[in-house]
């Protein structure tokens, strides 16, 4: 490794949240063509799928209602307890976006992280090489995403099991009615679930960067290493994840607003481009954060 690269990586290690965001913006502005190409050709299928799901839910409201009844019956309440409609909409979004999430989105993340890594190590960016290397890394990212999905599925299973059993127990021993018991359990368990879910998401984002940058570390091992790297900087990761999610939600709200008011032909591609750019920015931030979490000894590179 050159002395200049070592100095750059050492300076990254001292960054705080604001400096990480500024560094991400600087990297994107240094190579706007490469990152814009990644956003168009690799990331855009994900927002297209997401906006299609919003369109279907808006024009066919019976879709989330059917999902809501299925979940309600699976919990054994049979219409007694109304579950939040947001849960059914989220389920529809996940089902429609799943194919593009595990294909184009992972390829886009791999190409973006590789571009950031090459930039920090003084390697000239080449689109063809980025595409080839992202294709080779896709299987590793798929392994990592699978383990992340297993953990999240376990969290959802624990939440659903609590909602299905605890209210019945409370009702059986006469503490409260089934409806009030359900709402109480949903409140307490929901808060705990959101906290753990947020931590799993930020660890998963960093684990995807680890899977791309470090050739021998992927799958569950990358999740463990990402958790270890984040020690002492978890609040930084949560703040960055919050900012990214705010950006995603703003674009989604803008899409829903324009869809209700009537959308022009040019607004759809513009919103897809905006969402894709937020995806690129989020991935670049996580890549910079990875180097900020690395110890000062960079001999492993």
Protein backbone atom coordinates (compact mmCIF):
# COMPACT_ATOMS: atom_id res chain seq x y z
CA UNK A 1 0.00 0.00 0.00
CA UNK A 2 1.29 3.48 -0.86
CA UNK A 3 2.05 6.02 1.81
CA UNK A 4 -0.65 8.35 0.46
CA UNK A 5 -3.30 5.63 0.70
CA UNK A 6 -2.26 4.84 4.27
CA UNK A 7 -2.56 8.52 5.23
CA UNK A 8 -6.00 8.76 3.63
CA UNK A 9 -7.28 5.69 5.49
CA UNK A 10 -5.83 6.92 8.77
CA UNK A 11 -7.63 10.27 8.34
CA UNK A 12 -10.90 8.44 7.64
CA UNK A 13 -10.54 6.54 10.91
CA UNK A 14 -10.84 9.84 12.83
CA UNK A 15 -14.10 10.92 11.17
CA UNK A 16 -17.33 11.72 13.02
CA UNK A 17 -20.86 11.54 11.58
CA UNK A 18 -20.83 14.91 9.81
CA UNK A 19 -17.39 14.26 8.33
CA UNK A 20 -18.48 10.85 7.05
CA UNK A 21 -21.45 12.44 5.27
CA UNK A 22 -19.23 15.17 3.78
CA UNK A 23 -16.74 12.54 2.63
CA UNK A 24 -19.56 10.56 0.96
CA UNK A 25 -20.74 13.66 -0.89
CA UNK A 26 -17.17 14.42 -2.00
CA UNK A 27 -16.67 10.88 -3.33
CA UNK A 28 -19.89 11.04 -5.36
CA UNK A 29 -18.97 14.44 -6.79
CA UNK A 30 -15.50 13.17 -7.76
CA UNK A 31 -17.01 10.35 -9.84
CA UNK A 32 -20.53 11.49 -10.75
CA UNK A 33 -20.73 9.55 -14.02
CA UNK A 34 -19.90 6.19 -12.46
CA UNK A 35 -22.29 6.55 -9.54
CA UNK A 36 -25.08 7.93 -11.74
CA UNK A 37 -24.67 4.94 -14.07
CA UNK A 38 -24.90 2.59 -11.10
CA UNK A 39 -28.06 4.33 -9.90
CA UNK A 40 -29.72 4.05 -13.32
CA UNK A 41 -28.73 0.55 -14.44
CA UNK A 42 -28.49 -1.31 -11.12
CA UNK A 43 -30.48 0.48 -8.43
CA UNK A 44 -33.47 1.75 -10.44
CA UNK A 45 -35.38 -1.61 -10.60
CA UNK A 46 -35.87 -1.46 -6.81
CA UNK A 47 -37.70 1.91 -6.71
CA UNK A 48 -39.65 0.89 -9.81
CA UNK A 49 -40.89 -2.20 -7.94
CA UNK A 50 -41.61 -0.13 -4.84
CA UNK A 51 -43.61 2.46 -6.76
CA UNK A 52 -45.52 -0.30 -8.55
CA UNK A 53 -46.52 -1.70 -5.15
CA UNK A 54 -47.64 1.79 -4.05
CA UNK A 55 -49.66 2.08 -7.27
CA UNK A 56 -51.33 -1.32 -6.73
CA UNK A 57 -52.18 -0.54 -3.10
CA UNK A 58 -53.62 2.85 -4.08
CA UNK A 59 -55.80 1.55 -6.93
CA UNK A 60 -56.58 -1.90 -5.48
CA UNK A 61 -57.12 -1.37 -1.73
CA UNK A 62 -58.40 -4.94 -1.32
CA UNK A 63 -54.82 -6.23 -1.68
CA UNK A 64 -53.57 -5.04 1.75
CA UNK A 65 -56.97 -5.92 3.25
CA UNK A 66 -56.55 -9.53 2.13
CA UNK A 67 -53.03 -9.62 3.57
CA UNK A 68 -54.39 -8.13 6.80
CA UNK A 69 -57.02 -10.86 7.14
CA UNK A 70 -54.42 -13.55 6.47
CA UNK A 71 -52.13 -12.26 9.23
CA UNK A 72 -55.06 -11.80 11.62
CA UNK A 73 -56.23 -15.38 11.08
CA UNK A 74 -52.67 -16.71 11.46
CA UNK A 75 -52.57 -15.13 14.92
CA UNK A 76 -55.82 -16.85 15.81
CA UNK A 77 -57.85 -13.69 16.42
CA UNK A 78 -60.29 -14.20 13.52
CA UNK A 79 -61.15 -10.54 13.10
CA UNK A 80 -61.48 -9.77 16.81
CA UNK A 81 -58.36 -7.61 16.93
CA UNK A 82 -57.65 -5.21 14.06
CA UNK A 83 -53.96 -5.24 13.14
CA UNK A 84 -52.35 -2.04 11.87
CA UNK A 85 -52.95 -1.50 8.19
CA UNK A 86 -49.33 -0.38 7.84
CA UNK A 87 -48.25 -3.98 8.54
CA UNK A 88 -50.22 -5.33 5.59
CA UNK A 89 -48.90 -2.60 3.27
CA UNK A 90 -45.35 -3.36 4.34
CA UNK A 91 -45.93 -7.05 3.57
CA UNK A 92 -47.15 -6.19 0.06
CA UNK A 93 -44.09 -3.96 -0.52
CA UNK A 94 -41.74 -6.75 0.60
CA UNK A 95 -43.33 -9.34 -1.68
CA UNK A 96 -43.25 -7.14 -4.78
CA UNK A 97 -39.76 -5.71 -4.15
CA UNK A 98 -38.12 -9.00 -3.15
CA UNK A 99 -36.90 -10.07 -6.65
CA UNK A 100 -35.22 -6.73 -7.39
CA UNK A 101 -33.84 -6.55 -3.85
CA UNK A 102 -31.84 -9.76 -4.13
CA UNK A 103 -30.66 -9.11 -7.70
CA UNK A 104 -30.19 -5.57 -8.98
CA UNK A 105 -30.03 -3.93 -5.56
CA UNK A 106 -27.23 -6.23 -4.36
CA UNK A 107 -25.35 -5.73 -7.63
CA UNK A 108 -25.68 -1.97 -7.17
CA UNK A 109 -24.38 -2.16 -3.61
CA UNK A 110 -21.43 -4.29 -4.72
CA UNK A 111 -20.51 -1.89 -7.53
CA UNK A 112 -20.87 1.18 -5.29
CA UNK A 113 -18.78 -0.24 -2.45
CA UNK A 114 -16.13 -1.43 -4.91
CA UNK A 115 -16.00 2.03 -6.48
CA UNK A 116 -15.46 3.66 -3.07
CA UNK A 117 -12.79 1.11 -2.17
CA UNK A 118 -10.96 1.62 -5.48
CA UNK A 119 -11.11 5.37 -5.03
CA UNK A 120 -9.54 5.21 -1.57
CA UNK A 121 -6.81 2.86 -2.77
CA UNK A 122 -5.90 5.03 -5.76
CA UNK A 123 -7.27 2.64 -8.39
CA UNK A 124 -8.79 4.23 -11.50
CA UNK A 125 -12.48 3.45 -11.78
CA UNK A 126 -13.51 1.35 -14.76
CA UNK A 127 -17.17 0.57 -15.43
CA UNK A 128 -16.55 -2.82 -17.00
CA UNK A 129 -14.29 -3.95 -14.16
CA UNK A 130 -16.78 -2.68 -11.58
CA UNK A 131 -19.60 -4.62 -13.24
CA UNK A 132 -17.55 -7.82 -13.45
CA UNK A 133 -16.36 -7.60 -9.85
CA UNK A 134 -19.85 -6.78 -8.58
CA UNK A 135 -21.15 -9.88 -10.36
CA UNK A 136 -18.51 -12.01 -8.64
CA UNK A 137 -19.36 -10.45 -5.27
CA UNK A 138 -23.12 -10.87 -5.70
CA UNK A 139 -23.12 -14.46 -4.36
CA UNK A 140 -21.30 -13.32 -1.20
CA UNK A 141 -23.81 -10.52 -0.68
CA UNK A 142 -26.62 -13.01 -1.19
CA UNK A 143 -25.18 -15.19 1.57
CA UNK A 144 -24.94 -12.20 3.89
CA UNK A 145 -28.47 -11.05 3.04
CA UNK A 146 -29.76 -14.58 3.69
CA UNK A 147 -28.40 -14.60 7.25
CA UNK A 148 -29.72 -11.09 7.80
CA UNK A 149 -33.12 -12.29 6.59
CA UNK A 150 -32.99 -15.29 8.94
CA UNK A 151 -32.31 -13.01 11.93
CA UNK A 152 -35.08 -10.60 10.94
CA UNK A 153 -37.45 -13.52 10.37
CA UNK A 154 -36.64 -14.77 13.85
CA UNK A 155 -37.47 -11.33 15.26
CA UNK A 156 -40.79 -11.28 13.41
CA UNK A 157 -41.51 -14.81 14.58
CA UNK A 158 -40.86 -13.86 18.19
CA UNK A 159 -43.09 -10.79 17.84
CA UNK A 160 -45.92 -12.76 16.23
CA UNK A 161 -45.64 -15.54 18.80
CA UNK A 162 -45.90 -12.95 21.58
CA UNK A 163 -48.94 -11.35 19.98
CA UNK A 164 -50.60 -14.72 19.48
CA UNK A 165 -50.04 -16.23 22.92
CA UNK A 166 -49.51 -13.57 25.61
CA UNK A 167 -52.91 -11.80 25.16
CA UNK A 168 -54.68 -15.16 25.43
CA UNK A 169 -52.80 -15.97 28.62
CA UNK A 170 -53.62 -12.57 30.13
CA UNK A 171 -57.28 -13.04 29.18
CA UNK A 172 -57.38 -16.58 30.57
CA UNK A 173 -56.10 -15.56 34.01
CA UNK A 174 -58.48 -12.59 34.08
CA UNK A 175 -55.97 -9.74 34.07
CA UNK A 176 -57.50 -7.88 31.13
CA UNK A 177 -59.59 -8.36 28.02
CA UNK A 178 -58.10 -9.87 24.91
CA UNK A 179 -58.15 -6.56 23.02
CA UNK A 180 -56.45 -4.53 25.75
CA UNK A 181 -53.95 -7.34 26.32
CA UNK A 182 -53.11 -7.40 22.65
CA UNK A 183 -52.57 -3.64 22.56
CA UNK A 184 -50.38 -3.75 25.68
CA UNK A 185 -48.22 -6.58 24.36
CA UNK A 186 -48.04 -4.91 20.96
CA UNK A 187 -46.81 -1.70 22.58
CA UNK A 188 -44.12 -3.23 24.79
CA UNK A 189 -42.99 -5.91 22.36
CA UNK A 190 -43.19 -3.46 19.45
CA UNK A 191 -40.77 -1.04 21.09
CA UNK A 192 -38.28 -3.79 21.84
CA UNK A 193 -38.69 -5.16 18.32
CA UNK A 194 -38.03 -1.77 16.71
CA UNK A 195 -34.85 -1.24 18.75
CA UNK A 196 -33.43 -4.68 17.92
CA UNK A 197 -34.57 -4.40 14.29
CA UNK A 198 -32.78 -1.07 13.87
CA UNK A 199 -29.55 -2.54 15.22
CA UNK A 200 -29.84 -5.56 12.92
CA UNK A 201 -30.32 -3.26 9.94
CA UNK A 202 -27.26 -1.10 10.64
CA UNK A 203 -25.13 -4.19 11.29
CA UNK A 204 -26.45 -5.72 8.07
CA UNK A 205 -25.58 -2.60 6.06
CA UNK A 206 -22.01 -2.66 7.34
CA UNK A 207 -21.81 -6.44 6.84
CA UNK A 208 -22.59 -6.00 3.14
CA UNK A 209 -19.62 -3.63 2.86
CA UNK A 210 -17.42 -6.17 4.66
CA UNK A 211 -18.56 -8.87 2.23
CA UNK A 212 -17.44 -6.77 -0.75
CA UNK A 213 -14.18 -5.36 0.58
CA UNK A 214 -12.88 -8.44 2.42
CA UNK A 215 -12.77 -11.42 0.08
CA UNK A 216 -12.77 -14.17 2.74
CA UNK A 217 -15.47 -12.75 5.01
CA UNK A 218 -19.15 -13.05 4.08
CA UNK A 219 -22.37 -14.56 5.30
CA UNK A 220 -22.79 -14.89 9.06
CA UNK A 221 -19.07 -14.15 9.59
CA UNK A 222 -19.47 -10.71 8.02
CA UNK A 223 -22.38 -9.94 10.38
CA UNK A 224 -20.25 -10.90 13.37
CA UNK A 225 -17.32 -8.82 12.12
CA UNK A 226 -19.56 -5.83 11.36
CA UNK A 227 -20.97 -5.97 14.89
CA UNK A 228 -17.44 -6.03 16.28
CA UNK A 229 -16.31 -3.13 14.08
CA UNK A 230 -19.25 -0.99 15.20
CA UNK A 231 -18.43 -1.24 18.89
CA UNK A 232 -18.37 2.30 20.29
CA UNK A 233 -19.79 3.83 17.07
CA UNK A 234 -23.26 2.35 17.03
CA UNK A 235 -24.90 5.74 17.55
CA UNK A 236 -23.14 7.02 14.40
CA UNK A 237 -24.54 4.13 12.36
CA UNK A 238 -28.04 4.71 13.75
CA UNK A 239 -27.93 8.42 12.90
CA UNK A 240 -26.80 7.69 9.33
CA UNK A 241 -29.47 5.01 8.93
CA UNK A 242 -32.09 7.45 10.23
CA UNK A 243 -31.05 10.12 7.72
CA UNK A 244 -31.12 7.61 4.86
CA UNK A 245 -34.56 6.31 5.86
CA UNK A 246 -35.86 9.89 6.05
CA UNK A 247 -34.63 10.42 2.48
CA UNK A 248 -36.29 7.20 1.30
CA UNK A 249 -39.56 8.08 3.01
CA UNK A 250 -39.59 11.62 1.62
CA UNK A 251 -39.35 10.30 -1.95
CA UNK A 252 -42.08 7.71 -1.23
CA UNK A 253 -44.37 10.39 0.25
CA UNK A 254 -43.74 12.61 -2.76
CA UNK A 255 -44.68 9.73 -5.05
CA UNK A 256 -47.88 9.02 -3.12
CA UNK A 257 -48.77 12.72 -3.13
CA UNK A 258 -48.26 13.09 -6.89
CA UNK A 259 -50.11 9.81 -7.52
CA UNK A 260 -53.15 11.12 -5.65
CA UNK A 261 -53.04 14.49 -7.43
CA UNK A 262 -52.25 13.08 -10.87
CA UNK A 263 -48.73 12.35 -12.05
CA UNK A 264 -47.16 13.55 -15.28
CA UNK A 265 -45.16 11.23 -17.52
CA UNK A 266 -41.82 12.81 -16.61
CA UNK A 267 -42.41 12.72 -12.85
CA UNK A 268 -42.21 8.92 -12.56
CA UNK A 269 -38.66 8.59 -13.98
CA UNK A 270 -37.59 11.63 -11.94
CA UNK A 271 -38.79 10.05 -8.67
CA UNK A 272 -37.15 6.73 -9.60
CA UNK A 273 -33.89 8.59 -10.23
CA UNK A 274 -34.18 10.43 -6.91
CA UNK A 275 -34.76 7.20 -4.97
CA UNK A 276 -31.87 5.48 -6.78
CA UNK A 277 -29.53 8.35 -5.91
CA UNK A 278 -30.53 8.06 -2.25
CA UNK A 279 -29.67 4.35 -2.45
CA UNK A 280 -26.26 5.22 -3.88
CA UNK A 281 -25.67 7.84 -1.19
CA UNK A 282 -26.70 5.41 1.55
CA UNK A 283 -24.29 2.76 0.22
CA UNK A 284 -21.41 5.24 -0.10
CA UNK A 285 -21.99 6.41 3.49
CA UNK A 286 -21.83 2.82 4.74
CA UNK A 287 -18.64 2.20 2.76
CA UNK A 288 -16.98 5.29 4.26
CA UNK A 289 -18.26 4.26 7.68
CA UNK A 290 -16.57 0.88 7.23
CA UNK A 291 -13.18 2.55 6.80
CA UNK A 292 -13.94 4.88 9.70
CA UNK A 293 -14.49 1.83 11.90
CA UNK A 294 -11.28 0.09 10.84
CA UNK A 295 -8.39 0.10 13.32
CA UNK A 296 -5.36 2.29 12.49
CA UNK A 297 -3.37 -0.80 11.43
CA UNK A 298 -4.25 -1.26 7.73
CA UNK A 299 -1.84 -4.08 7.04
CA UNK A 300 -4.77 -6.34 6.19
CA UNK A 301 -5.29 -4.38 2.97
